N, C-alpha and C. Protein backbone atom coordinates (compact mmCIF):
# COMPACT_ATOMS: atom_id res chain seq x y z
N MET A 1 220.48 -102.11 -30.08
CA MET A 1 220.60 -100.85 -29.35
C MET A 1 220.75 -101.16 -27.87
N LYS A 2 221.64 -100.47 -27.25
CA LYS A 2 221.89 -100.64 -25.83
C LYS A 2 221.39 -99.41 -25.08
N GLY A 3 221.23 -99.55 -23.77
CA GLY A 3 220.76 -98.42 -22.98
C GLY A 3 221.43 -98.37 -21.63
N ILE A 4 221.52 -97.18 -21.10
CA ILE A 4 221.97 -96.98 -19.72
C ILE A 4 220.95 -96.08 -19.04
N HIS A 5 220.89 -96.19 -17.76
CA HIS A 5 219.91 -95.43 -16.99
C HIS A 5 220.60 -94.85 -15.76
N HIS A 6 220.30 -93.63 -15.45
CA HIS A 6 220.80 -92.99 -14.23
C HIS A 6 219.60 -92.50 -13.44
N ALA A 7 219.68 -92.62 -12.16
CA ALA A 7 218.65 -92.06 -11.28
C ALA A 7 219.37 -91.18 -10.26
N TYR A 8 218.95 -89.96 -10.15
CA TYR A 8 219.50 -89.05 -9.17
C TYR A 8 218.48 -88.87 -8.07
N ASP A 9 218.83 -89.26 -6.89
CA ASP A 9 217.95 -89.24 -5.73
C ASP A 9 218.17 -87.93 -4.99
N SER A 10 217.09 -87.27 -4.65
CA SER A 10 217.20 -86.01 -3.93
C SER A 10 217.80 -86.18 -2.55
N ASP A 11 217.87 -87.41 -2.04
CA ASP A 11 218.42 -87.66 -0.71
C ASP A 11 219.78 -88.35 -0.74
N ASP A 12 220.44 -88.42 -1.92
CA ASP A 12 221.71 -89.13 -2.04
C ASP A 12 222.80 -88.58 -1.12
N ASP A 13 222.82 -87.29 -0.92
CA ASP A 13 223.88 -86.65 -0.14
C ASP A 13 223.23 -85.74 0.90
N ALA A 14 223.51 -85.99 2.15
CA ALA A 14 222.90 -85.20 3.23
C ALA A 14 223.28 -83.72 3.12
N ASN A 15 224.40 -83.41 2.46
CA ASN A 15 224.85 -82.02 2.33
C ASN A 15 224.32 -81.36 1.06
N PHE A 16 223.54 -82.08 0.30
CA PHE A 16 223.06 -81.58 -0.99
C PHE A 16 221.59 -81.21 -0.87
N THR A 17 221.22 -80.05 -1.40
CA THR A 17 219.84 -79.60 -1.38
C THR A 17 219.26 -79.70 -2.79
N TRP A 18 218.21 -80.47 -2.94
CA TRP A 18 217.52 -80.64 -4.22
C TRP A 18 216.88 -79.32 -4.61
N LYS A 19 217.18 -78.85 -5.79
CA LYS A 19 216.68 -77.57 -6.29
C LYS A 19 215.71 -77.84 -7.43
N LYS A 20 214.56 -78.33 -7.06
CA LYS A 20 213.57 -78.76 -8.04
C LYS A 20 213.17 -77.62 -8.97
N GLY A 21 212.97 -76.43 -8.42
CA GLY A 21 212.58 -75.29 -9.26
C GLY A 21 213.62 -74.96 -10.31
N VAL A 22 214.90 -75.02 -9.94
CA VAL A 22 215.98 -74.77 -10.89
C VAL A 22 215.94 -75.85 -11.97
N TRP A 23 215.82 -77.12 -11.54
CA TRP A 23 215.79 -78.22 -12.50
C TRP A 23 214.60 -78.08 -13.46
N LEU A 24 213.42 -77.77 -12.94
CA LEU A 24 212.25 -77.60 -13.81
C LEU A 24 212.47 -76.47 -14.81
N GLY A 25 213.14 -75.40 -14.39
CA GLY A 25 213.47 -74.32 -15.32
C GLY A 25 214.41 -74.79 -16.43
N MET A 26 215.39 -75.62 -16.05
CA MET A 26 216.30 -76.19 -17.06
C MET A 26 215.52 -77.06 -18.05
N MET A 27 214.57 -77.83 -17.53
CA MET A 27 213.77 -78.70 -18.40
C MET A 27 212.87 -77.87 -19.32
N ASP A 28 212.36 -76.74 -18.82
CA ASP A 28 211.58 -75.85 -19.68
C ASP A 28 212.43 -75.34 -20.84
N GLU A 29 213.70 -75.03 -20.56
CA GLU A 29 214.61 -74.55 -21.61
C GLU A 29 214.87 -75.62 -22.66
N ILE A 30 215.18 -76.86 -22.23
CA ILE A 30 215.52 -77.86 -23.24
C ILE A 30 214.28 -78.43 -23.94
N ASN A 31 213.11 -78.17 -23.40
CA ASN A 31 211.87 -78.56 -24.08
C ASN A 31 211.28 -77.40 -24.88
N GLY A 32 211.87 -76.22 -24.74
CA GLY A 32 211.35 -75.03 -25.40
C GLY A 32 212.38 -74.41 -26.33
N ALA A 33 212.88 -73.25 -25.92
CA ALA A 33 213.78 -72.46 -26.76
C ALA A 33 215.05 -73.20 -27.17
N ASN A 34 215.55 -74.09 -26.34
CA ASN A 34 216.80 -74.79 -26.64
C ASN A 34 216.61 -76.23 -27.08
N LYS A 35 215.37 -76.62 -27.44
CA LYS A 35 215.10 -78.02 -27.79
C LYS A 35 215.94 -78.48 -28.98
N ALA A 36 216.01 -77.70 -30.03
CA ALA A 36 216.76 -78.13 -31.22
C ALA A 36 218.23 -78.34 -30.88
N GLY A 37 218.81 -77.44 -30.09
CA GLY A 37 220.22 -77.60 -29.70
C GLY A 37 220.43 -78.79 -28.79
N ALA A 38 219.53 -78.99 -27.83
CA ALA A 38 219.65 -80.13 -26.92
C ALA A 38 219.50 -81.44 -27.69
N ASP A 39 218.54 -81.49 -28.61
CA ASP A 39 218.34 -82.69 -29.42
C ASP A 39 219.57 -82.97 -30.28
N ALA A 40 220.17 -81.91 -30.85
CA ALA A 40 221.35 -82.08 -31.72
C ALA A 40 222.54 -82.63 -30.94
N ILE A 41 222.72 -82.19 -29.70
CA ILE A 41 223.82 -82.70 -28.87
C ILE A 41 223.63 -84.19 -28.63
N ARG A 42 222.41 -84.60 -28.30
CA ARG A 42 222.15 -86.02 -28.06
C ARG A 42 222.32 -86.84 -29.35
N ALA A 43 221.81 -86.32 -30.47
CA ALA A 43 221.95 -87.02 -31.74
C ALA A 43 223.43 -87.13 -32.14
N GLY A 44 224.18 -86.05 -31.93
CA GLY A 44 225.61 -86.07 -32.25
C GLY A 44 226.39 -87.07 -31.40
N ALA A 45 225.86 -87.38 -30.23
CA ALA A 45 226.49 -88.37 -29.35
C ALA A 45 225.93 -89.77 -29.59
N GLY A 46 224.99 -89.90 -30.56
CA GLY A 46 224.40 -91.19 -30.86
C GLY A 46 223.44 -91.68 -29.80
N LEU A 47 222.76 -90.75 -29.13
CA LEU A 47 221.89 -91.10 -28.01
C LEU A 47 220.45 -90.69 -28.23
N HIS A 48 219.56 -91.48 -27.66
CA HIS A 48 218.17 -91.09 -27.46
C HIS A 48 218.02 -90.97 -25.95
N GLU A 49 217.72 -89.77 -25.47
CA GLU A 49 217.56 -89.53 -24.03
C GLU A 49 216.09 -89.35 -23.70
N ARG A 50 215.70 -89.92 -22.56
CA ARG A 50 214.40 -89.64 -21.97
C ARG A 50 214.65 -89.28 -20.51
N THR A 51 213.95 -88.27 -20.03
CA THR A 51 214.13 -87.80 -18.66
C THR A 51 212.77 -87.84 -17.96
N PHE A 52 212.77 -88.41 -16.77
CA PHE A 52 211.54 -88.55 -15.99
C PHE A 52 211.75 -87.92 -14.61
N LEU A 53 210.69 -87.37 -14.06
CA LEU A 53 210.68 -86.94 -12.67
C LEU A 53 209.73 -87.87 -11.93
N GLN A 54 210.26 -88.59 -10.96
CA GLN A 54 209.45 -89.49 -10.13
C GLN A 54 209.33 -88.84 -8.75
N GLU A 55 208.13 -88.42 -8.41
CA GLU A 55 207.90 -87.80 -7.11
C GLU A 55 207.31 -88.86 -6.17
N THR A 56 207.95 -89.03 -5.02
CA THR A 56 207.49 -90.02 -4.05
C THR A 56 207.44 -89.38 -2.67
N PRO A 57 206.76 -90.00 -1.72
CA PRO A 57 206.77 -89.48 -0.35
C PRO A 57 208.18 -89.48 0.27
N MET A 58 209.07 -90.33 -0.25
CA MET A 58 210.43 -90.42 0.28
C MET A 58 211.37 -89.40 -0.36
N GLY A 59 210.91 -88.68 -1.36
CA GLY A 59 211.74 -87.70 -2.08
C GLY A 59 211.61 -87.90 -3.57
N ASP A 60 212.16 -86.98 -4.31
CA ASP A 60 212.08 -87.01 -5.76
C ASP A 60 213.26 -87.75 -6.36
N PHE A 61 213.03 -88.34 -7.53
CA PHE A 61 214.08 -88.97 -8.32
C PHE A 61 214.02 -88.40 -9.72
N VAL A 62 215.17 -88.10 -10.28
CA VAL A 62 215.28 -87.79 -11.69
C VAL A 62 215.84 -89.04 -12.34
N ILE A 63 215.12 -89.56 -13.31
CA ILE A 63 215.54 -90.78 -13.99
C ILE A 63 215.88 -90.41 -15.43
N LEU A 64 217.11 -90.69 -15.82
CA LEU A 64 217.56 -90.42 -17.19
C LEU A 64 217.82 -91.74 -17.87
N THR A 65 217.32 -91.90 -19.08
CA THR A 65 217.64 -93.10 -19.87
C THR A 65 218.34 -92.65 -21.15
N PHE A 66 219.37 -93.39 -21.52
CA PHE A 66 220.13 -93.11 -22.74
C PHE A 66 220.22 -94.39 -23.54
N GLU A 67 219.76 -94.35 -24.77
CA GLU A 67 219.82 -95.52 -25.64
C GLU A 67 220.63 -95.17 -26.88
N GLY A 68 221.41 -96.13 -27.35
CA GLY A 68 222.22 -95.95 -28.55
C GLY A 68 223.13 -97.15 -28.71
N ASP A 69 223.97 -97.11 -29.75
CA ASP A 69 224.88 -98.23 -30.00
C ASP A 69 225.94 -98.36 -28.91
N ASP A 70 226.41 -97.24 -28.38
CA ASP A 70 227.41 -97.25 -27.30
C ASP A 70 227.04 -96.16 -26.31
N PRO A 71 226.06 -96.43 -25.43
CA PRO A 71 225.55 -95.38 -24.55
C PRO A 71 226.60 -94.78 -23.62
N ALA A 72 227.54 -95.58 -23.13
CA ALA A 72 228.55 -95.03 -22.22
C ALA A 72 229.43 -94.01 -22.94
N ALA A 73 229.88 -94.33 -24.15
CA ALA A 73 230.68 -93.37 -24.93
C ALA A 73 229.84 -92.16 -25.31
N GLY A 74 228.59 -92.40 -25.67
CA GLY A 74 227.70 -91.30 -26.03
C GLY A 74 227.45 -90.36 -24.86
N PHE A 75 227.29 -90.94 -23.68
CA PHE A 75 227.08 -90.12 -22.48
C PHE A 75 228.29 -89.23 -22.23
N ALA A 76 229.49 -89.79 -22.35
CA ALA A 76 230.71 -88.99 -22.16
C ALA A 76 230.79 -87.87 -23.20
N LYS A 77 230.47 -88.17 -24.46
CA LYS A 77 230.50 -87.14 -25.50
C LYS A 77 229.45 -86.07 -25.23
N MET A 78 228.26 -86.49 -24.86
CA MET A 78 227.20 -85.53 -24.56
C MET A 78 227.62 -84.59 -23.43
N MET A 79 228.20 -85.16 -22.37
CA MET A 79 228.65 -84.33 -21.25
C MET A 79 229.68 -83.31 -21.70
N ALA A 80 230.60 -83.72 -22.58
CA ALA A 80 231.65 -82.81 -23.07
C ALA A 80 231.07 -81.72 -23.96
N ASP A 81 229.95 -82.00 -24.64
CA ASP A 81 229.37 -81.06 -25.60
C ASP A 81 228.30 -80.15 -25.02
N LEU A 82 227.93 -80.35 -23.75
CA LEU A 82 226.86 -79.52 -23.17
C LEU A 82 227.30 -78.06 -23.08
N PRO A 83 226.38 -77.13 -23.32
CA PRO A 83 226.70 -75.71 -23.16
C PRO A 83 227.10 -75.41 -21.71
N PRO A 84 228.00 -74.46 -21.49
CA PRO A 84 228.48 -74.16 -20.14
C PRO A 84 227.36 -73.84 -19.14
N GLU A 85 226.31 -73.16 -19.59
CA GLU A 85 225.23 -72.81 -18.66
C GLU A 85 224.43 -74.04 -18.24
N PHE A 86 224.28 -75.02 -19.14
CA PHE A 86 223.58 -76.25 -18.77
C PHE A 86 224.46 -77.08 -17.84
N ALA A 87 225.76 -77.13 -18.13
CA ALA A 87 226.69 -77.86 -17.26
C ALA A 87 226.69 -77.26 -15.86
N ALA A 88 226.65 -75.93 -15.77
CA ALA A 88 226.61 -75.27 -14.45
C ALA A 88 225.31 -75.62 -13.73
N GLY A 89 224.21 -75.68 -14.46
CA GLY A 89 222.93 -76.05 -13.86
C GLY A 89 222.93 -77.49 -13.37
N ALA A 90 223.54 -78.41 -14.14
CA ALA A 90 223.62 -79.81 -13.71
C ALA A 90 224.44 -79.94 -12.43
N LYS A 91 225.48 -79.11 -12.32
CA LYS A 91 226.29 -79.15 -11.09
C LYS A 91 225.48 -78.61 -9.92
N GLU A 92 224.75 -77.51 -10.16
CA GLU A 92 223.95 -76.91 -9.08
C GLU A 92 222.82 -77.83 -8.63
N VAL A 93 222.15 -78.46 -9.58
CA VAL A 93 220.97 -79.26 -9.27
C VAL A 93 221.31 -80.67 -8.80
N HIS A 94 222.27 -81.31 -9.50
CA HIS A 94 222.58 -82.71 -9.22
C HIS A 94 223.92 -82.92 -8.52
N GLY A 95 224.76 -81.86 -8.46
CA GLY A 95 226.11 -82.03 -7.94
C GLY A 95 227.00 -82.74 -8.95
N LEU A 96 226.59 -82.79 -10.21
CA LEU A 96 227.31 -83.50 -11.27
C LEU A 96 228.26 -82.54 -11.97
N ASP A 97 229.55 -82.74 -11.80
CA ASP A 97 230.58 -81.89 -12.39
C ASP A 97 230.91 -82.41 -13.78
N MET A 98 230.58 -81.66 -14.81
CA MET A 98 230.80 -82.10 -16.19
C MET A 98 232.28 -82.16 -16.56
N GLU A 99 233.14 -81.55 -15.76
CA GLU A 99 234.57 -81.60 -16.05
C GLU A 99 235.26 -82.76 -15.34
N ALA A 100 234.56 -83.44 -14.46
CA ALA A 100 235.09 -84.61 -13.76
C ALA A 100 234.75 -85.86 -14.58
N PRO A 101 235.40 -86.97 -14.28
CA PRO A 101 235.01 -88.21 -14.97
C PRO A 101 233.53 -88.50 -14.73
N PRO A 102 232.87 -89.13 -15.71
CA PRO A 102 231.44 -89.41 -15.54
C PRO A 102 231.20 -90.36 -14.37
N PRO A 103 230.01 -90.30 -13.79
CA PRO A 103 229.69 -91.21 -12.69
C PRO A 103 229.70 -92.65 -13.20
N PRO A 104 229.84 -93.62 -12.30
CA PRO A 104 229.81 -95.01 -12.76
C PRO A 104 228.48 -95.35 -13.40
N MET A 105 228.54 -96.23 -14.37
CA MET A 105 227.33 -96.66 -15.05
C MET A 105 226.53 -97.56 -14.10
N PRO A 106 225.21 -97.49 -14.18
CA PRO A 106 224.38 -98.32 -13.32
C PRO A 106 224.50 -99.80 -13.70
N THR A 107 224.19 -100.64 -12.76
CA THR A 107 224.24 -102.09 -12.96
C THR A 107 222.83 -102.59 -13.29
N LEU A 108 222.69 -103.25 -14.43
CA LEU A 108 221.40 -103.82 -14.81
C LEU A 108 221.12 -105.02 -13.92
N ILE A 109 219.99 -105.02 -13.27
CA ILE A 109 219.61 -106.10 -12.36
C ILE A 109 218.58 -107.02 -13.00
N TYR A 110 217.67 -106.47 -13.78
CA TYR A 110 216.60 -107.28 -14.37
C TYR A 110 216.27 -106.72 -15.74
N ASP A 111 216.08 -107.63 -16.71
CA ASP A 111 215.68 -107.26 -18.07
C ASP A 111 214.60 -108.25 -18.51
N SER A 112 213.39 -107.78 -18.72
CA SER A 112 212.27 -108.67 -19.07
C SER A 112 212.43 -109.31 -20.45
N LYS A 113 213.35 -108.82 -21.27
CA LYS A 113 213.55 -109.38 -22.60
C LYS A 113 214.81 -110.24 -22.70
N SER A 114 215.52 -110.44 -21.61
CA SER A 114 216.75 -111.25 -21.67
C SER A 114 216.42 -112.72 -21.48
N SER A 115 217.36 -113.55 -21.90
CA SER A 115 217.22 -115.00 -21.73
C SER A 115 217.54 -115.36 -20.28
N PRO A 116 216.94 -116.45 -19.78
CA PRO A 116 217.26 -116.90 -18.41
C PRO A 116 218.74 -117.25 -18.29
N LYS A 117 219.27 -117.10 -17.09
CA LYS A 117 220.69 -117.44 -16.86
C LYS A 117 220.87 -118.91 -16.71
């Protein structure tokens, strides 16, 4: 199983305002009334997603992890399958346009289970 991780920093763009309350409302929806649908989209994309909120004195980070056989392809499929209202919320909260190409995948720097180089 492979994994990819994204971190969205509330300070990434000086012109962007972090809307924590909107994001928390979205998380309430996918953990509540829309959980079955959200889970089905991730399963249909072959992904296991975990979402974390890291609050620091320097600002908040949203950390998303996606694990599956092909996380990059699964992420693209998941983005294409998201309901329009969730896609609009992701654009409002993260500036992430679901109709644009996906953001670049993060670069793995350290893996405690990998062999030495």
